[in-house]
C-alpha cells in the first residue's frame, strides 16, 4: 500500500514540476512539453499534480482538454486511492 501512495505522490510532484516548467517555457517562447505528455502522465497517476499546477501557475486553464479532463481524473484517482486504502 505504501508503494502505491509513494508512486502517486512522486508522479504528481513530477507532473507539477513539468506544468511549472512548461509555463516558464511558454512565457519565454521556448520549446514546450507536448500536451499529450502532460495528459498521459496525469492519467498515469499524476492528475493531482497537474490540477495543482493548473491552479498554482494558471497554466492550461483555458484548454478544454485540461479544465475538463484533469479535474475528473483527479477525482477518480483520489476516489480509487481512498477505496484502496479502506480495503
C-alpha atoms as a PDB file:
ATOM      1  CA  UNK A   1       0.000   0.000   0.000  1.00  0.00           C
ATOM      2  CA  UNK A   2       2.837   2.421   0.797  1.00  0.00           C
ATOM      3  CA  UNK A   3       4.274   1.804  -2.653  1.00  0.00           C
ATOM      4  CA  UNK A   4       1.124   2.975  -4.399  1.00  0.00           C
ATOM      5  CA  UNK A   5       0.859   6.072  -2.232  1.00  0.00           C
ATOM      6  CA  UNK A   6       4.540   6.867  -2.815  1.00  0.00           C
ATOM      7  CA  UNK A   7       4.047   6.374  -6.562  1.00  0.00           C
ATOM      8  CA  UNK A   8       1.047   8.762  -6.651  1.00  0.00           C
ATOM      9  CA  UNK A   9       2.952  11.389  -4.660  1.00  0.00           C
ATOM     10  CA  UNK A  10       6.072  11.094  -6.848  1.00  0.00           C
ATOM     11  CA  UNK A  11       4.286  11.181 -10.200  1.00  0.00           C
ATOM     12  CA  UNK A  12       2.073  14.056  -9.037  1.00  0.00           C
ATOM     13  CA  UNK A  13       5.144  16.025  -7.962  1.00  0.00           C
ATOM     14  CA  UNK A  14       6.826  15.351 -11.306  1.00  0.00           C
ATOM     15  CA  UNK A  15       3.750  16.496 -13.235  1.00  0.00           C
ATOM     16  CA  UNK A  16       3.504  19.604 -11.054  1.00  0.00           C
ATOM     17  CA  UNK A  17       7.134  20.453 -11.855  1.00  0.00           C
ATOM     18  CA  UNK A  18       6.504  19.828 -15.556  1.00  0.00           C
ATOM     19  CA  UNK A  19       3.489  22.147 -15.517  1.00  0.00           C
ATOM     20  CA  UNK A  20       5.569  24.887 -13.897  1.00  0.00           C
ATOM     21  CA  UNK A  21       8.419  24.294 -16.370  1.00  0.00           C
ATOM     22  CA  UNK A  22       6.018  24.382 -19.328  1.00  0.00           C
ATOM     23  CA  UNK A  23       4.536  27.666 -18.109  1.00  0.00           C
ATOM     24  CA  UNK A  24       8.014  29.193 -17.859  1.00  0.00           C
ATOM     25  CA  UNK A  25       8.856  27.916 -21.344  1.00  0.00           C
ATOM     26  CA  UNK A  26       5.597  29.361 -22.708  1.00  0.00           C
ATOM     27  CA  UNK A  27       6.369  32.804 -21.316  1.00  0.00           C
ATOM     28  CA  UNK A  28       9.850  32.724 -22.851  1.00  0.00           C
ATOM     29  CA  UNK A  29       8.535  31.335 -26.168  1.00  0.00           C
ATOM     30  CA  UNK A  30      10.845  28.327 -25.947  1.00  0.00           C
ATOM     31  CA  UNK A  31      10.178  24.658 -26.819  1.00  0.00           C
ATOM     32  CA  UNK A  32       7.311  23.234 -24.782  1.00  0.00           C
ATOM     33  CA  UNK A  33       6.225  19.943 -23.287  1.00  0.00           C
ATOM     34  CA  UNK A  34       3.556  18.369 -25.519  1.00  0.00           C
ATOM     35  CA  UNK A  35       0.014  18.441 -24.115  1.00  0.00           C
ATOM     36  CA  UNK A  36      -0.272  14.718 -24.790  1.00  0.00           C
ATOM     37  CA  UNK A  37       2.691  14.067 -22.488  1.00  0.00           C
ATOM     38  CA  UNK A  38       1.155  16.079 -19.660  1.00  0.00           C
ATOM     39  CA  UNK A  39      -2.194  14.324 -20.076  1.00  0.00           C
ATOM     40  CA  UNK A  40      -0.582  10.890 -20.286  1.00  0.00           C
ATOM     41  CA  UNK A  41       1.367  11.465 -17.068  1.00  0.00           C
ATOM     42  CA  UNK A  42      -1.804  12.770 -15.449  1.00  0.00           C
ATOM     43  CA  UNK A  43      -3.671   9.630 -16.476  1.00  0.00           C
ATOM     44  CA  UNK A  44      -0.787   7.531 -15.128  1.00  0.00           C
ATOM     45  CA  UNK A  45      -1.477   8.793 -11.614  1.00  0.00           C
ATOM     46  CA  UNK A  46      -0.301  12.404 -11.672  1.00  0.00           C
ATOM     47  CA  UNK A  47      -3.657  14.131 -12.105  1.00  0.00           C
ATOM     48  CA  UNK A  48      -3.479  15.785  -8.678  1.00  0.00           C
ATOM     49  CA  UNK A  49      -0.133  17.363  -9.537  1.00  0.00           C
ATOM     50  CA  UNK A  50      -1.436  18.562 -12.880  1.00  0.00           C
ATOM     51  CA  UNK A  51      -4.533  20.027 -11.227  1.00  0.00           C
ATOM     52  CA  UNK A  52      -2.449  21.815  -8.597  1.00  0.00           C
ATOM     53  CA  UNK A  53      -0.181  23.115 -11.367  1.00  0.00           C
ATOM     54  CA  UNK A  54      -3.186  24.424 -13.263  1.00  0.00           C
ATOM     55  CA  UNK A  55      -4.340  26.336 -10.213  1.00  0.00           C
ATOM     56  CA  UNK A  56      -0.928  27.399  -8.929  1.00  0.00           C
ATOM     57  CA  UNK A  57       0.547  28.875 -12.106  1.00  0.00           C
ATOM     58  CA  UNK A  58      -2.708  29.286 -14.060  1.00  0.00           C
ATOM     59  CA  UNK A  59      -1.440  27.040 -16.820  1.00  0.00           C
ATOM     60  CA  UNK A  60      -3.654  25.252 -19.375  1.00  0.00           C
ATOM     61  CA  UNK A  61      -6.797  26.609 -17.700  1.00  0.00           C
ATOM     62  CA  UNK A  62      -8.340  27.710 -20.999  1.00  0.00           C
ATOM     63  CA  UNK A  63      -7.825  24.382 -22.724  1.00  0.00           C
ATOM     64  CA  UNK A  64     -10.960  22.198 -22.543  1.00  0.00           C
ATOM     65  CA  UNK A  65      -8.768  19.084 -22.770  1.00  0.00           C
ATOM     66  CA  UNK A  66      -7.321  20.142 -19.421  1.00  0.00           C
ATOM     67  CA  UNK A  67     -10.008  22.023 -17.493  1.00  0.00           C
ATOM     68  CA  UNK A  68     -12.496  19.197 -18.069  1.00  0.00           C
ATOM     69  CA  UNK A  69     -10.288  16.104 -18.125  1.00  0.00           C
ATOM     70  CA  UNK A  70      -7.804  16.809 -15.327  1.00  0.00           C
ATOM     71  CA  UNK A  71     -10.336  17.523 -12.530  1.00  0.00           C
ATOM     72  CA  UNK A  72     -12.285  14.382 -13.490  1.00  0.00           C
ATOM     73  CA  UNK A  73      -9.088  12.291 -13.478  1.00  0.00           C
ATOM     74  CA  UNK A  74      -8.101  13.806 -10.118  1.00  0.00           C
ATOM     75  CA  UNK A  75     -11.435  12.910  -8.527  1.00  0.00           C
ATOM     76  CA  UNK A  76     -11.341   9.387  -9.957  1.00  0.00           C
ATOM     77  CA  UNK A  77      -7.735   8.758  -8.905  1.00  0.00           C
ATOM     78  CA  UNK A  78      -8.286  10.081  -5.383  1.00  0.00           C
ATOM     79  CA  UNK A  79     -11.504   8.065  -5.103  1.00  0.00           C
ATOM     80  CA  UNK A  80      -9.736   4.890  -6.182  1.00  0.00           C
ATOM     81  CA  UNK A  81      -6.898   5.598  -3.772  1.00  0.00           C
ATOM     82  CA  UNK A  82      -9.352   6.061  -0.892  1.00  0.00           C
ATOM     83  CA  UNK A  83     -11.152   2.812  -1.807  1.00  0.00           C
ATOM     84  CA  UNK A  84      -7.799   1.021  -1.954  1.00  0.00           C
ATOM     85  CA  UNK A  85      -6.725   2.366   1.436  1.00  0.00           C
ATOM     86  CA  UNK A  86     -10.028   1.437   3.097  1.00  0.00           C
ATOM     87  CA  UNK A  87      -9.758  -2.101   1.758  1.00  0.00           C
END
